[in-house]
């Protein structure tokens, strides 16, 4: 019976380690690898007069 308990605790440890690794990777992606707010130089604005041309 001791070997069965040892196997069960080993499997549980494996599952917990996989979950912790997945949460760590998700946190790393969310907090570090996602871009911040876009700066004004990368936002494309319509040229002058294009809105007036399309509304007529």
N, C-alpha and C. Protein backbone atom coordinates (compact mmCIF):
# COMPACT_ATOMS: atom_id res chain seq x y z
N UNK A 1 0.82 -1.19 0.00
CA UNK A 1 0.00 0.00 0.00
C UNK A 1 0.87 1.26 0.00
N UNK A 2 2.05 1.21 0.56
CA UNK A 2 2.92 2.38 0.63
C UNK A 2 3.36 2.81 -0.76
N UNK A 3 3.58 1.84 -1.64
CA UNK A 3 4.00 2.19 -3.00
C UNK A 3 2.87 2.88 -3.77
N UNK A 4 1.64 2.48 -3.52
CA UNK A 4 0.49 3.11 -4.19
C UNK A 4 0.33 4.56 -3.71
N UNK A 5 0.53 4.79 -2.42
CA UNK A 5 0.45 6.16 -1.89
C UNK A 5 1.59 7.02 -2.44
N UNK A 6 2.74 6.42 -2.58
CA UNK A 6 3.89 7.15 -3.12
C UNK A 6 3.63 7.53 -4.58
N UNK A 7 3.05 6.62 -5.34
CA UNK A 7 2.73 6.90 -6.75
C UNK A 7 1.66 7.98 -6.85
N UNK A 8 0.66 7.91 -5.99
CA UNK A 8 -0.41 8.91 -6.03
C UNK A 8 0.13 10.30 -5.68
N UNK A 9 0.98 10.38 -4.67
CA UNK A 9 1.53 11.69 -4.31
C UNK A 9 2.47 12.21 -5.39
N UNK A 10 3.18 11.33 -6.07
CA UNK A 10 4.04 11.74 -7.17
C UNK A 10 3.24 12.28 -8.35
N UNK A 11 2.12 11.63 -8.65
CA UNK A 11 1.27 12.10 -9.73
C UNK A 11 0.65 13.46 -9.39
N UNK A 12 0.25 13.60 -8.14
CA UNK A 12 -0.33 14.87 -7.71
C UNK A 12 0.71 15.98 -7.78
N UNK A 13 1.92 15.71 -7.39
CA UNK A 13 2.99 16.70 -7.49
C UNK A 13 3.23 17.09 -8.95
N UNK A 14 3.20 16.11 -9.84
CA UNK A 14 3.38 16.38 -11.27
C UNK A 14 2.28 17.30 -11.80
N UNK A 15 1.04 17.04 -11.44
CA UNK A 15 -0.08 17.85 -11.89
C UNK A 15 0.04 19.27 -11.34
N UNK A 16 0.41 19.40 -10.08
CA UNK A 16 0.57 20.72 -9.47
C UNK A 16 1.69 21.49 -10.16
N UNK A 17 2.79 20.84 -10.46
CA UNK A 17 3.90 21.51 -11.14
C UNK A 17 3.51 21.97 -12.54
N UNK A 18 2.74 21.16 -13.26
CA UNK A 18 2.27 21.55 -14.58
C UNK A 18 1.36 22.77 -14.48
N UNK A 19 0.45 22.79 -13.51
CA UNK A 19 -0.45 23.93 -13.34
C UNK A 19 0.31 25.19 -12.96
N UNK A 20 1.28 25.08 -12.08
CA UNK A 20 2.08 26.24 -11.67
C UNK A 20 2.88 26.77 -12.87
N UNK A 21 3.44 25.88 -13.67
CA UNK A 21 4.18 26.31 -14.85
C UNK A 21 3.26 27.01 -15.84
N UNK A 22 2.05 26.49 -16.03
CA UNK A 22 1.10 27.11 -16.96
C UNK A 22 0.69 28.49 -16.46
N UNK A 23 0.43 28.62 -15.17
CA UNK A 23 0.07 29.92 -14.61
C UNK A 23 1.23 30.90 -14.71
N UNK A 24 2.44 30.42 -14.50
CA UNK A 24 3.62 31.27 -14.62
C UNK A 24 3.82 31.77 -16.04
N UNK A 25 3.64 30.90 -17.02
CA UNK A 25 3.76 31.32 -18.42
C UNK A 25 2.65 32.29 -18.80
N UNK A 26 1.44 32.06 -18.31
CA UNK A 26 0.33 32.97 -18.60
C UNK A 26 0.59 34.34 -17.99
N UNK A 27 1.10 34.38 -16.79
CA UNK A 27 1.40 35.66 -16.13
C UNK A 27 2.54 36.37 -16.86
N UNK A 28 3.55 35.63 -17.27
CA UNK A 28 4.66 36.22 -18.02
C UNK A 28 4.16 36.83 -19.31
N UNK A 29 3.32 36.11 -20.04
CA UNK A 29 2.78 36.65 -21.29
C UNK A 29 1.92 37.88 -21.04
N UNK A 30 1.07 37.81 -20.03
CA UNK A 30 0.13 38.90 -19.77
C UNK A 30 0.83 40.17 -19.30
N UNK A 31 1.80 40.03 -18.40
CA UNK A 31 2.42 41.21 -17.81
C UNK A 31 3.67 41.69 -18.54
N UNK A 32 4.36 40.82 -19.25
CA UNK A 32 5.64 41.20 -19.84
C UNK A 32 5.58 41.27 -21.36
N UNK A 33 4.95 40.32 -22.00
CA UNK A 33 5.05 40.21 -23.45
C UNK A 33 3.93 40.92 -24.21
N UNK A 34 2.90 41.40 -23.53
CA UNK A 34 1.86 42.13 -24.24
C UNK A 34 2.28 43.58 -24.42
N UNK A 35 1.95 44.15 -25.55
CA UNK A 35 2.36 45.54 -25.79
C UNK A 35 1.56 46.50 -24.93
N UNK A 36 2.15 47.64 -24.68
CA UNK A 36 1.47 48.67 -23.90
C UNK A 36 0.50 49.44 -24.77
N UNK A 37 0.10 50.58 -24.28
CA UNK A 37 -0.82 51.41 -25.06
C UNK A 37 -0.10 51.96 -26.28
N UNK A 38 -0.77 52.04 -27.40
CA UNK A 38 -0.09 52.52 -28.61
C UNK A 38 0.24 54.00 -28.49
N UNK A 39 1.41 54.36 -28.96
CA UNK A 39 1.77 55.78 -28.93
C UNK A 39 1.19 56.47 -30.16
N UNK A 40 1.15 57.76 -30.12
CA UNK A 40 0.47 58.52 -31.17
C UNK A 40 1.16 58.42 -32.52
N UNK A 41 2.43 58.03 -32.55
CA UNK A 41 3.13 57.96 -33.83
C UNK A 41 2.70 56.74 -34.65
N UNK A 42 2.16 55.70 -34.00
CA UNK A 42 1.78 54.50 -34.74
C UNK A 42 0.31 54.50 -35.14
N UNK A 43 -0.48 55.44 -34.63
CA UNK A 43 -1.90 55.49 -34.96
C UNK A 43 -2.05 56.19 -36.31
N UNK A 44 -2.74 55.53 -37.25
CA UNK A 44 -2.93 56.12 -38.56
C UNK A 44 -4.20 56.97 -38.55
N UNK A 45 -4.04 58.21 -38.90
CA UNK A 45 -5.17 59.13 -38.95
C UNK A 45 -5.50 59.42 -40.41
N UNK A 46 -6.76 59.69 -40.70
CA UNK A 46 -7.10 60.03 -42.10
C UNK A 46 -6.47 61.35 -42.50
N UNK A 47 -6.17 61.45 -43.77
CA UNK A 47 -5.57 62.69 -44.26
C UNK A 47 -6.62 63.79 -44.29
N UNK A 48 -6.14 65.02 -44.34
CA UNK A 48 -7.03 66.17 -44.37
C UNK A 48 -7.93 66.11 -45.60
N UNK A 49 -9.21 66.34 -45.41
CA UNK A 49 -10.13 66.41 -46.52
C UNK A 49 -10.73 65.09 -46.96
N UNK A 50 -10.24 63.96 -46.46
CA UNK A 50 -10.78 62.67 -46.91
C UNK A 50 -12.18 62.43 -46.33
N UNK A 51 -12.44 62.88 -45.12
CA UNK A 51 -13.77 62.68 -44.54
C UNK A 51 -14.81 63.52 -45.26
N UNK A 52 -14.44 64.73 -45.64
CA UNK A 52 -15.39 65.58 -46.33
C UNK A 52 -15.73 65.03 -47.72
N UNK A 53 -14.75 64.41 -48.37
CA UNK A 53 -14.99 63.84 -49.69
C UNK A 53 -15.97 62.68 -49.62
N UNK A 54 -15.89 61.87 -48.60
CA UNK A 54 -16.73 60.68 -48.49
C UNK A 54 -18.14 60.98 -47.99
N UNK A 55 -18.33 62.10 -47.35
CA UNK A 55 -19.66 62.40 -46.80
C UNK A 55 -20.54 63.15 -47.79
N UNK A 56 -19.99 63.59 -48.89
CA UNK A 56 -20.81 64.33 -49.87
C UNK A 56 -21.52 63.40 -50.82
